[in-house]
Amino acid sequence: MRDPSTQMSSAEQASRRKGAGLSAKLLVLTIVFVMIAEVLIFVPSIANFRNSWLADRLADAELAVAALDPATYGPEEAQGDAMMQQVLLETLEAHELVLVERDVRRVLAQRTGIEGSIVADLAVDVDVTTAQPLTAVIDAFDTLRAGNRVLRIYGQPEPPAGRFVEVVVQEQYLRDAMIGFSRNILILSIIISLITALLVYLSLNALFVRPLRKLDASMARFADDPEAPGSIITPSRRGDELGSAEARLASMQTDLRSMLAERRRLADVGLAVSKINHDLRNLLSSAHLLSERLESIDDPHVQRIAPRIVRAIDRAVSFCEATLAYGRVQEAPPSRTTFALEELVDEAAEFAGLVGHPDIAFANQIASEMAVRVGRDNLFRILLNLMRNARHALEAERAPVEPPALTVAGTFDEETLIIRVTDTGPGIPEQVRDRLFQPFHGDQSRRGSTGLGLAIARELAEADGGTIRYEPPETGTGARFVLTLPNARVDG
């Protein structure tokens, strides 16, 4: 028993042991994973934004060059409108517009105060038609890192026409646009992460966390008090793995409760036997002394009965001691002796109440000359349990198919003794056959049965190196138990 003042319940221990809950961990992990996904999306996005910005600048520059091209407006008109040039450059955020024709570069517009050598000395060439994905990513992060260069943007036409436009811009403008785009992506990513995390959190909490908490609470309740009415979980109707786990937990808890009840019953039996063992042995010892006096009586009937009474009292004492030891240790290996099997079967039948029974026909089919070498007392106890069970079953049967009968037969298979105990009773129900030899799980349908007889018989057989099993008879009715004991044949 647990002392409440010194030990906490399982639920309290679990409450103190756990840190962040599973729901909180799922929420944080969802946010982290969404942010990682957004980062993976951001890398190609920022590179694509840079390429788009450069392409848009070049396209605007081509429109501006078309407005400034001397072939369109005439050399004096186009180049003479200085105010128009400065407005176009301001709109493009450009330093210079250049038209290249047959490898001849002509500056169509230039910001006031910009020296002509700025492009040749400082500009970084950017060809928008030859950008590769990996190179674009590297260039994008290079722009974010530096951002103070001068870029000369151009695009070779396909196929080459010998005429194209160059626009010279300060990289700072591109960097500012990329930072603004990155800020928008970050804000959008945070919003998406929070919304996704909330939806995932609510979904996982409903699908997994709450059922897991139910499992945890049920296990804690069962650990604190397995016999409480509500300690066994009630499985839900879910068809997934958690529903299967709930069903398995309920089955396990039910089996554990049954096992605990059996253990407690065995403990109660041991306690009760230990209380009566001392007084019972004293009484049986007195009966033994009195029965020995019967041997001095000359009556032949008394002389025949007296030894059996003495042996019965001796067995009663050993049975009492064995019952006390049943719940603690296995039966000790028996001391083998040689004896006539027919006589032992008759003795067991007499003690089982079969000899002279008014309704049950008992048949001992053991050959009179058949001698065996096994543990006599163990075999007597096995046969007594089997015959007594058969007698009770035959007496309880209201309308037998044939007259009630019990037969004991024995043969040798090389060195192995095989004994078959067969009755014409109602048989063993299908639902109890798998657990027939377990304590308290035998055929307890008849009144007064403890469910221990077959368990004791199996343990006694195993102590002598043998086995015992149930075998439906060929007729389809009744019951048959087959006992095998190895190395039982007497030499010679």
Protein backbone atom coordinates (compact mmCIF):
# COMPACT_ATOMS: atom_id res chain seq x y z
CA MET A 1 0.00 0.00 0.00
CA ARG A 2 1.23 3.48 -0.84
CA ASP A 3 1.50 6.02 1.94
CA PRO A 4 -0.29 9.20 0.74
CA SER A 5 1.80 11.37 3.03
CA THR A 6 5.11 10.27 1.53
CA GLN A 7 4.31 9.47 -2.10
CA MET A 8 2.56 11.41 -4.81
CA SER A 9 -0.02 9.98 -7.16
CA SER A 10 0.92 9.13 -10.71
CA ALA A 11 -0.99 12.14 -12.02
CA GLU A 12 0.91 14.49 -9.66
CA GLN A 13 4.25 12.95 -10.64
CA ALA A 14 3.42 13.36 -14.32
CA SER A 15 2.34 16.96 -13.71
CA ARG A 16 5.64 17.80 -11.99
CA ARG A 17 7.76 15.89 -14.48
CA LYS A 18 6.58 17.45 -17.71
CA GLY A 19 7.82 20.85 -18.93
CA ALA A 20 6.39 22.45 -22.02
CA GLY A 21 3.28 20.66 -23.16
CA LEU A 22 3.00 18.78 -26.42
CA SER A 23 0.65 21.44 -27.79
CA ALA A 24 3.18 24.23 -27.16
CA LYS A 25 5.95 22.18 -28.75
CA LEU A 26 3.80 21.53 -31.80
CA LEU A 27 3.01 25.24 -32.09
CA VAL A 28 6.69 26.27 -31.91
CA LEU A 29 7.81 23.53 -34.29
CA THR A 30 5.11 24.49 -36.79
CA ILE A 31 6.22 28.12 -36.75
CA VAL A 32 9.87 27.10 -37.14
CA PHE A 33 9.16 24.74 -40.03
CA VAL A 34 6.99 27.28 -41.84
CA MET A 35 9.73 29.90 -41.45
CA ILE A 36 12.29 27.44 -42.81
CA ALA A 37 10.00 26.80 -45.77
CA GLU A 38 9.62 30.55 -46.30
CA VAL A 39 13.40 30.95 -46.22
CA LEU A 40 13.75 28.27 -48.87
CA ILE A 41 11.14 30.12 -50.92
CA PHE A 42 12.75 33.50 -50.26
CA VAL A 43 16.13 32.57 -51.78
CA PRO A 44 14.88 32.05 -55.36
CA SER A 45 12.27 34.79 -54.89
CA ILE A 46 14.83 37.49 -54.10
CA ALA A 47 16.96 36.37 -57.05
CA ASN A 48 13.91 36.49 -59.33
CA PHE A 49 12.98 39.93 -57.94
CA ARG A 50 16.47 41.25 -58.77
CA ASN A 51 16.28 39.86 -62.32
CA SER A 52 12.81 41.36 -62.78
CA TRP A 53 13.95 44.75 -61.47
CA LEU A 54 16.92 44.78 -63.86
CA ALA A 55 14.77 43.67 -66.81
CA ASP A 56 12.17 46.34 -66.01
CA ARG A 57 14.88 49.02 -65.85
CA LEU A 58 16.25 47.92 -69.19
CA ALA A 59 12.78 47.88 -70.76
CA ASP A 60 12.07 51.40 -69.46
CA ALA A 61 15.46 52.47 -70.71
CA GLU A 62 14.67 51.15 -74.20
CA LEU A 63 11.48 53.22 -74.21
CA ALA A 64 13.43 56.28 -73.09
CA VAL A 65 16.08 55.67 -75.74
CA ALA A 66 13.34 55.44 -78.34
CA ALA A 67 12.29 58.92 -77.26
CA LEU A 68 15.87 60.21 -77.43
CA ASP A 69 17.04 58.35 -80.54
CA PRO A 70 18.27 60.82 -83.20
CA ALA A 71 16.97 58.52 -85.90
CA THR A 72 13.47 59.22 -84.64
CA TYR A 73 13.49 62.86 -83.65
CA GLY A 74 16.49 64.23 -85.43
CA PRO A 75 19.85 64.96 -83.90
CA GLU A 76 19.13 68.51 -82.90
CA GLU A 77 15.71 67.86 -81.41
CA ALA A 78 16.54 64.82 -79.36
CA GLN A 79 19.86 65.86 -78.05
CA GLY A 80 18.94 69.49 -77.66
CA ASP A 81 16.18 68.90 -75.09
CA ALA A 82 18.41 68.66 -71.99
CA MET A 83 15.50 69.03 -69.62
CA MET A 84 13.79 66.04 -71.19
CA GLN A 85 16.96 63.97 -70.74
CA GLN A 86 17.21 64.81 -67.07
CA VAL A 87 13.53 64.02 -66.46
CA LEU A 88 13.89 60.63 -68.14
CA LEU A 89 17.03 59.83 -66.16
CA GLU A 90 15.36 60.91 -62.92
CA THR A 91 12.38 58.72 -63.71
CA LEU A 92 14.63 55.74 -64.44
CA GLU A 93 16.84 56.48 -61.44
CA ALA A 94 19.66 56.14 -63.97
CA HIS A 95 22.98 57.91 -64.49
CA GLU A 96 23.35 57.31 -68.19
CA LEU A 97 21.55 56.03 -71.25
CA VAL A 98 23.67 54.57 -74.03
CA LEU A 99 22.82 53.29 -77.48
CA VAL A 100 25.23 50.78 -78.97
CA GLU A 101 25.18 50.36 -82.76
CA ARG A 102 27.81 48.31 -84.52
CA ASP A 103 30.12 48.46 -81.49
CA VAL A 104 29.81 52.24 -81.42
CA ARG A 105 28.58 53.56 -78.05
CA ARG A 106 26.65 56.82 -78.10
CA VAL A 107 25.64 58.46 -74.86
CA LEU A 108 22.11 59.72 -75.39
CA ALA A 109 21.55 61.09 -71.88
CA GLN A 110 23.73 61.67 -68.86
CA ARG A 111 23.05 63.04 -65.41
CA THR A 112 24.35 66.53 -64.82
CA GLY A 113 27.69 66.43 -63.01
CA ILE A 114 28.54 62.83 -64.06
CA GLU A 115 31.89 62.45 -65.73
CA GLY A 116 32.05 60.29 -68.80
CA SER A 117 34.71 58.05 -67.28
CA ILE A 118 32.42 56.83 -64.47
CA VAL A 119 31.03 53.99 -66.55
CA ALA A 120 34.37 52.79 -67.81
CA ASP A 121 36.00 52.88 -64.36
CA LEU A 122 33.28 51.83 -61.91
CA ALA A 123 30.42 50.12 -63.71
CA VAL A 124 29.71 46.40 -63.29
CA ASP A 125 28.30 44.82 -66.42
CA VAL A 126 24.97 43.04 -66.00
CA ASP A 127 23.61 41.11 -68.99
CA VAL A 128 19.96 40.32 -68.24
CA THR A 129 19.80 37.73 -71.02
CA THR A 130 22.49 35.40 -69.66
CA ALA A 131 21.54 35.10 -65.96
CA GLN A 132 21.72 31.51 -64.60
CA PRO A 133 19.67 30.40 -61.51
CA LEU A 134 22.65 29.76 -59.23
CA THR A 135 24.48 32.86 -60.48
CA ALA A 136 21.33 34.92 -59.97
CA VAL A 137 21.08 33.78 -56.31
CA ILE A 138 24.75 34.63 -55.68
CA ASP A 139 24.39 38.05 -57.37
CA ALA A 140 21.25 38.80 -55.34
CA PHE A 141 22.97 38.23 -52.00
CA ASP A 142 26.03 40.07 -53.29
CA THR A 143 23.80 43.09 -53.97
CA LEU A 144 22.29 42.88 -50.47
CA ARG A 145 25.80 42.66 -48.99
CA ALA A 146 27.47 45.48 -51.01
CA GLY A 147 24.84 47.66 -52.66
CA ASN A 148 27.11 50.63 -53.43
CA ARG A 149 28.30 49.81 -56.93
CA VAL A 150 27.41 51.20 -60.35
CA LEU A 151 25.64 48.78 -62.66
CA ARG A 152 25.63 48.89 -66.44
CA ILE A 153 22.55 46.98 -67.50
CA TYR A 154 22.15 45.71 -71.03
CA GLY A 155 20.65 42.84 -72.91
CA GLN A 156 21.99 41.40 -76.15
CA PRO A 157 19.12 40.84 -78.59
CA GLU A 158 18.49 37.34 -79.97
CA PRO A 159 19.53 36.99 -82.72
CA PRO A 160 22.12 39.76 -82.45
CA ALA A 161 20.95 42.82 -84.38
CA GLY A 162 24.00 44.95 -83.78
CA ARG A 163 21.94 47.50 -81.85
CA PHE A 164 21.08 47.47 -78.13
CA VAL A 165 20.61 49.76 -75.15
CA GLU A 166 22.67 50.20 -71.99
CA VAL A 167 21.44 51.91 -68.83
CA VAL A 168 23.79 52.83 -65.98
CA VAL A 169 22.22 52.90 -62.51
CA GLN A 170 23.40 53.12 -58.93
CA GLU A 171 23.13 49.70 -57.22
CA GLN A 172 21.78 51.37 -54.10
CA TYR A 173 18.40 51.80 -55.81
CA LEU A 174 18.26 48.04 -56.51
CA ARG A 175 19.39 47.21 -52.98
CA ASP A 176 16.70 49.43 -51.44
CA ALA A 177 14.04 47.76 -53.58
CA MET A 178 15.30 44.31 -52.60
CA ILE A 179 15.30 45.21 -48.89
CA GLY A 180 11.72 46.46 -49.21
CA PHE A 181 10.74 43.25 -50.96
CA SER A 182 12.49 41.19 -48.26
CA ARG A 183 10.68 43.12 -45.53
CA ASN A 184 7.34 42.43 -47.17
CA ILE A 185 8.24 38.75 -47.54
CA LEU A 186 9.22 38.60 -43.85
CA ILE A 187 5.96 40.16 -42.69
CA LEU A 188 3.95 37.91 -44.99
CA SER A 189 5.92 34.87 -43.79
CA ILE A 190 5.23 35.71 -40.15
CA ILE A 191 1.52 36.11 -40.85
CA ILE A 192 1.40 32.85 -42.83
CA SER A 193 3.41 31.07 -40.11
CA LEU A 194 1.09 32.22 -37.35
CA ILE A 195 -2.05 31.33 -39.28
CA THR A 196 -0.64 27.96 -40.35
CA ALA A 197 0.67 27.22 -36.87
CA LEU A 198 -2.71 28.08 -35.34
CA LEU A 199 -4.56 25.84 -37.78
CA VAL A 200 -2.07 23.00 -37.33
CA TYR A 201 -2.15 23.49 -33.56
CA LEU A 202 -5.93 23.30 -33.41
CA SER A 203 -6.02 20.29 -35.74
CA LEU A 204 -3.28 18.34 -33.98
CA ASN A 205 -4.65 19.25 -30.58
CA ALA A 206 -8.04 17.82 -31.53
CA LEU A 207 -6.69 14.79 -33.38
CA PHE A 208 -3.73 13.77 -31.22
CA VAL A 209 -3.02 15.83 -28.11
CA ARG A 210 -6.39 15.47 -26.40
CA PRO A 211 -6.61 11.71 -27.08
CA LEU A 212 -3.03 11.32 -25.78
CA ARG A 213 -3.96 13.27 -22.66
CA LYS A 214 -6.92 10.93 -22.24
CA LEU A 215 -4.59 7.92 -22.50
CA ASP A 216 -2.13 9.49 -20.05
CA ALA A 217 -4.88 10.35 -17.55
CA SER A 218 -6.34 6.83 -17.79
CA MET A 219 -2.94 5.23 -17.16
CA ALA A 220 -2.36 7.54 -14.19
CA ARG A 221 -5.78 6.73 -12.70
CA PHE A 222 -5.24 3.01 -13.23
CA ALA A 223 -1.76 3.17 -11.64
CA ASP A 224 -3.17 4.97 -8.59
CA ASP A 225 -6.17 2.67 -8.08
CA PRO A 226 -6.61 -0.24 -10.53
CA GLU A 227 -9.85 -1.31 -8.87
CA ALA A 228 -11.61 2.06 -9.13
CA PRO A 229 -14.74 1.89 -11.34
CA GLY A 230 -13.55 4.62 -13.71
CA SER A 231 -9.90 3.62 -13.92
CA ILE A 232 -10.34 1.60 -17.14
CA ILE A 233 -10.40 3.79 -20.24
CA THR A 234 -13.50 3.79 -22.44
CA PRO A 235 -12.29 3.42 -26.06
CA SER A 236 -13.59 5.92 -28.57
CA ARG A 237 -14.95 5.00 -31.98
CA ARG A 238 -11.83 6.18 -33.81
CA GLY A 239 -10.60 3.83 -36.49
CA ASP A 240 -7.00 5.07 -36.56
CA GLU A 241 -3.91 4.12 -34.55
CA LEU A 242 -5.00 6.11 -31.49
CA GLY A 243 -8.36 4.34 -31.47
CA SER A 244 -6.49 1.03 -31.64
CA ALA A 245 -4.21 2.18 -28.79
CA GLU A 246 -7.24 3.04 -26.65
CA ALA A 247 -8.79 -0.38 -27.32
CA ARG A 248 -5.51 -2.15 -26.51
CA LEU A 249 -5.06 -0.10 -23.34
CA ALA A 250 -8.61 -0.94 -22.23
CA SER A 251 -7.97 -4.64 -22.90
CA MET A 252 -4.64 -4.52 -21.05
CA GLN A 253 -6.17 -2.73 -18.07
CA THR A 254 -9.01 -5.27 -17.95
CA ASP A 255 -6.54 -8.16 -18.05
CA LEU A 256 -4.36 -6.54 -15.39
CA ARG A 257 -7.34 -6.00 -13.12
CA SER A 258 -8.32 -9.66 -13.58
CA MET A 259 -4.75 -10.76 -12.84
CA LEU A 260 -4.64 -8.57 -9.73
CA ALA A 261 -7.91 -10.10 -8.56
CA GLU A 262 -6.47 -13.58 -9.09
CA ARG A 263 -3.29 -12.70 -7.23
CA ARG A 264 -5.31 -11.28 -4.38
CA ARG A 265 -7.46 -14.39 -4.32
CA LEU A 266 -4.39 -16.60 -4.23
CA ALA A 267 -2.98 -14.48 -1.44
CA ASP A 268 -6.24 -14.80 0.46
CA VAL A 269 -6.19 -18.56 -0.05
CA GLY A 270 -2.61 -18.76 1.19
CA LEU A 271 -3.42 -16.60 4.18
CA ALA A 272 -6.49 -18.67 5.05
CA VAL A 273 -4.60 -21.94 4.71
CA SER A 274 -1.70 -20.65 6.78
CA LYS A 275 -4.14 -19.82 9.56
CA ILE A 276 -5.76 -23.24 9.62
CA ASN A 277 -2.67 -25.27 8.74
CA HIS A 278 -1.30 -25.44 12.26
CA ASP A 279 -4.55 -26.51 13.94
CA LEU A 280 -5.48 -28.85 11.08
CA ARG A 281 -2.18 -30.68 11.29
CA ASN A 282 -2.64 -31.14 15.02
CA LEU A 283 -6.11 -32.58 14.47
CA LEU A 284 -4.90 -34.88 11.70
CA SER A 285 -2.00 -36.06 13.85
CA SER A 286 -4.47 -37.01 16.56
CA ALA A 287 -6.61 -38.82 14.01
CA HIS A 288 -3.50 -40.63 12.78
CA LEU A 289 -2.75 -41.89 16.28
CA LEU A 290 -6.32 -43.07 16.75
CA SER A 291 -6.42 -44.79 13.35
CA GLU A 292 -3.29 -46.77 14.16
CA ARG A 293 -5.23 -48.48 16.96
CA LEU A 294 -7.57 -49.94 14.35
CA GLU A 295 -4.78 -52.22 13.19
CA SER A 296 -5.02 -54.15 16.48
CA ILE A 297 -8.64 -55.13 15.77
CA ASP A 298 -8.99 -58.63 14.32
CA ASP A 299 -11.97 -57.82 12.12
CA PRO A 300 -10.92 -58.55 8.47
CA HIS A 301 -12.97 -55.65 7.18
CA VAL A 302 -11.26 -53.28 9.61
CA GLN A 303 -7.85 -54.73 8.68
CA ARG A 304 -8.58 -53.96 5.03
CA ILE A 305 -9.84 -50.43 5.65
CA ALA A 306 -7.34 -49.31 8.36
CA PRO A 307 -4.26 -48.95 6.08
CA ARG A 308 -6.27 -46.85 3.65
CA ILE A 309 -7.45 -44.58 6.45
CA VAL A 310 -3.85 -44.14 7.62
CA ARG A 311 -2.69 -43.33 4.08
CA ALA A 312 -5.61 -40.92 3.63
CA ILE A 313 -4.68 -39.03 6.79
CA ASP A 314 -1.02 -38.90 5.71
CA ARG A 315 -2.05 -37.54 2.34
CA ALA A 316 -4.35 -35.00 4.02
CA VAL A 317 -1.38 -33.64 5.99
CA SER A 318 0.82 -33.45 2.89
CA PHE A 319 -2.04 -31.90 0.89
CA CYS A 320 -2.40 -29.18 3.51
CA GLU A 321 1.30 -28.38 3.35
CA ALA A 322 1.30 -28.48 -0.45
CA THR A 323 -1.71 -26.16 -0.61
CA LEU A 324 0.14 -23.69 1.57
CA ALA A 325 3.14 -23.84 -0.73
CA TYR A 326 1.10 -23.71 -3.95
CA GLY A 327 1.12 -19.95 -4.30
CA ARG A 328 4.84 -19.64 -3.52
CA VAL A 329 6.80 -22.36 -5.28
CA GLN A 330 6.34 -25.15 -7.77
CA GLU A 331 5.74 -28.70 -6.77
CA ALA A 332 8.95 -30.51 -5.86
CA PRO A 333 9.98 -33.48 -8.06
CA PRO A 334 8.25 -36.59 -6.68
CA SER A 335 9.99 -39.63 -5.28
CA ARG A 336 9.38 -42.42 -7.81
CA THR A 337 8.38 -45.88 -6.63
CA THR A 338 7.18 -49.05 -8.34
CA PHE A 339 3.57 -50.12 -7.77
CA ALA A 340 0.54 -51.66 -9.46
CA LEU A 341 -1.38 -48.99 -11.36
CA GLU A 342 -4.75 -50.78 -11.13
CA GLU A 343 -4.71 -50.68 -7.33
CA LEU A 344 -3.92 -46.94 -7.28
CA VAL A 345 -6.75 -46.19 -9.73
CA ASP A 346 -9.21 -48.14 -7.56
CA GLU A 347 -8.04 -46.25 -4.49
CA ALA A 348 -8.43 -42.87 -6.21
CA ALA A 349 -11.91 -43.86 -7.45
CA GLU A 350 -12.94 -44.84 -3.95
CA PHE A 351 -11.81 -41.50 -2.53
CA ALA A 352 -13.53 -39.67 -5.41
CA GLY A 353 -16.84 -41.30 -4.47
CA LEU A 354 -17.15 -43.38 -7.64
CA VAL A 355 -17.04 -46.88 -6.10
CA GLY A 356 -20.62 -47.89 -5.37
CA HIS A 357 -22.08 -44.73 -6.88
CA PRO A 358 -25.81 -45.31 -7.54
CA ASP A 359 -25.90 -43.55 -10.92
CA ILE A 360 -22.37 -43.46 -12.37
CA ALA A 361 -20.78 -46.55 -13.89
CA PHE A 362 -17.03 -46.62 -13.16
CA ALA A 363 -14.73 -48.83 -15.24
CA ASN A 364 -11.08 -49.41 -14.37
CA GLN A 365 -9.57 -50.74 -17.61
CA ILE A 366 -6.00 -50.91 -16.28
CA ALA A 367 -4.49 -54.39 -16.63
CA SER A 368 -3.91 -56.07 -13.28
CA GLU A 369 -0.30 -56.90 -14.12
CA MET A 370 0.56 -53.38 -15.25
CA ALA A 371 3.28 -51.96 -12.99
CA VAL A 372 4.63 -48.42 -13.26
CA ARG A 373 7.44 -46.40 -11.74
CA VAL A 374 6.27 -42.82 -11.07
CA GLY A 375 5.53 -40.55 -8.11
CA ARG A 376 2.71 -42.46 -6.40
CA ASP A 377 1.28 -39.63 -4.32
CA ASN A 378 1.44 -37.16 -7.22
CA LEU A 379 -0.34 -39.59 -9.56
CA PHE A 380 -2.96 -40.28 -6.88
CA ARG A 381 -3.67 -36.55 -6.53
CA ILE A 382 -3.87 -36.09 -10.30
CA LEU A 383 -6.34 -38.96 -10.71
CA LEU A 384 -8.35 -37.81 -7.71
CA ASN A 385 -8.77 -34.31 -9.16
CA LEU A 386 -9.73 -35.64 -12.61
CA MET A 387 -12.19 -38.21 -11.24
CA ARG A 388 -13.79 -35.78 -8.81
CA ASN A 389 -14.27 -33.22 -11.60
CA ALA A 390 -15.78 -35.90 -13.83
CA ARG A 391 -18.13 -37.09 -11.06
CA HIS A 392 -19.39 -33.54 -10.44
CA ALA A 393 -19.93 -33.02 -14.18
CA LEU A 394 -21.87 -36.29 -14.50
CA GLU A 395 -23.99 -35.52 -11.45
CA ALA A 396 -24.82 -32.05 -12.75
CA GLU A 397 -25.92 -33.33 -16.18
CA ARG A 398 -29.72 -33.46 -16.26
CA ALA A 399 -30.39 -35.38 -19.47
CA PRO A 400 -27.29 -37.35 -20.48
CA VAL A 401 -27.07 -38.72 -24.00
CA GLU A 402 -26.10 -42.11 -22.56
CA PRO A 403 -25.94 -43.56 -19.02
CA PRO A 404 -23.31 -41.65 -16.99
CA ALA A 405 -20.00 -43.47 -17.10
CA LEU A 406 -16.36 -42.84 -16.25
CA THR A 407 -13.52 -44.91 -17.69
CA VAL A 408 -9.80 -44.96 -16.84
CA ALA A 409 -7.46 -46.68 -19.32
CA GLY A 410 -3.68 -46.89 -19.47
CA THR A 411 -1.09 -47.92 -22.04
CA PHE A 412 2.63 -47.59 -22.69
CA ASP A 413 4.18 -45.78 -25.66
CA GLU A 414 7.70 -47.18 -25.40
CA GLU A 415 8.82 -45.80 -22.00
CA THR A 416 5.98 -43.27 -21.61
CA LEU A 417 2.87 -44.03 -19.56
CA ILE A 418 -0.37 -42.73 -21.10
CA ILE A 419 -3.51 -42.61 -18.92
CA ARG A 420 -6.86 -41.55 -20.37
CA VAL A 421 -9.71 -40.48 -18.09
CA THR A 422 -12.94 -40.35 -20.13
CA ASP A 423 -16.49 -39.46 -19.07
CA THR A 424 -19.84 -39.17 -20.85
CA GLY A 425 -20.77 -35.84 -19.27
CA PRO A 426 -21.58 -32.51 -20.92
CA GLY A 427 -17.96 -31.86 -21.97
CA ILE A 428 -15.92 -28.67 -21.70
CA PRO A 429 -17.32 -25.44 -23.22
CA GLU A 430 -15.32 -24.00 -26.10
CA GLN A 431 -14.85 -20.64 -24.40
CA VAL A 432 -12.92 -22.07 -21.44
CA ARG A 433 -10.70 -24.62 -23.17
CA ASP A 434 -7.81 -22.21 -23.86
CA ARG A 435 -7.50 -21.32 -20.16
CA LEU A 436 -8.63 -24.63 -18.75
CA PHE A 437 -5.48 -25.32 -16.73
CA GLN A 438 -5.02 -21.79 -15.35
CA PRO A 439 -5.93 -21.15 -11.67
CA PHE A 440 -9.54 -19.95 -11.29
CA HIS A 441 -10.13 -20.24 -15.04
CA GLY A 442 -11.30 -23.85 -15.26
CA ASP A 443 -14.86 -24.98 -15.79
CA GLN A 444 -16.54 -23.18 -12.91
CA SER A 445 -20.05 -23.57 -14.27
CA ARG A 446 -20.81 -26.23 -11.67
CA ARG A 447 -21.53 -25.08 -8.16
CA GLY A 448 -18.74 -25.40 -5.61
CA SER A 449 -15.90 -25.45 -8.14
CA THR A 450 -12.81 -23.38 -7.22
CA GLY A 451 -11.07 -23.65 -10.58
CA LEU A 452 -7.89 -25.00 -8.94
CA GLY A 453 -8.17 -28.77 -9.49
CA LEU A 454 -6.92 -28.87 -13.09
CA ALA A 455 -4.22 -26.28 -12.36
CA ILE A 456 -2.91 -28.44 -9.49
CA ALA A 457 -3.11 -31.58 -11.68
CA ARG A 458 -1.03 -29.95 -14.42
CA GLU A 459 1.59 -28.72 -11.95
CA LEU A 460 1.85 -32.20 -10.41
CA ALA A 461 2.23 -33.79 -13.86
CA GLU A 462 4.93 -31.30 -14.86
CA ALA A 463 6.77 -31.93 -11.58
CA ASP A 464 7.09 -35.59 -12.65
CA GLY A 465 8.23 -34.55 -16.16
CA GLY A 466 4.86 -35.24 -17.76
CA THR A 467 1.99 -33.38 -19.37
CA ILE A 468 -1.78 -33.30 -19.18
CA ARG A 469 -4.12 -32.09 -21.90
CA TYR A 470 -7.80 -31.99 -22.79
CA GLU A 471 -8.87 -34.13 -25.73
CA PRO A 472 -12.48 -34.25 -26.99
CA PRO A 473 -13.59 -37.89 -27.30
CA GLU A 474 -14.38 -39.43 -30.68
CA THR A 475 -18.12 -39.57 -29.94
CA GLY A 476 -18.36 -35.78 -29.72
CA THR A 477 -19.85 -35.82 -26.21
CA GLY A 478 -18.22 -35.97 -22.81
CA ALA A 479 -14.65 -35.09 -21.92
CA ARG A 480 -11.29 -36.82 -21.98
CA PHE A 481 -8.06 -35.88 -20.22
CA VAL A 482 -4.81 -37.49 -21.35
CA LEU A 483 -1.95 -37.77 -18.84
CA THR A 484 1.57 -38.69 -20.01
CA LEU A 485 4.46 -39.56 -17.69
CA PRO A 486 7.84 -40.34 -19.27
CA ASN A 487 10.22 -43.13 -18.22
CA ALA A 488 7.46 -44.93 -16.29
CA ARG A 489 7.92 -48.48 -17.62
CA VAL A 490 9.36 -50.94 -15.14
CA ASP A 491 12.40 -52.81 -16.50
CA GLY A 492 11.96 -56.56 -16.93
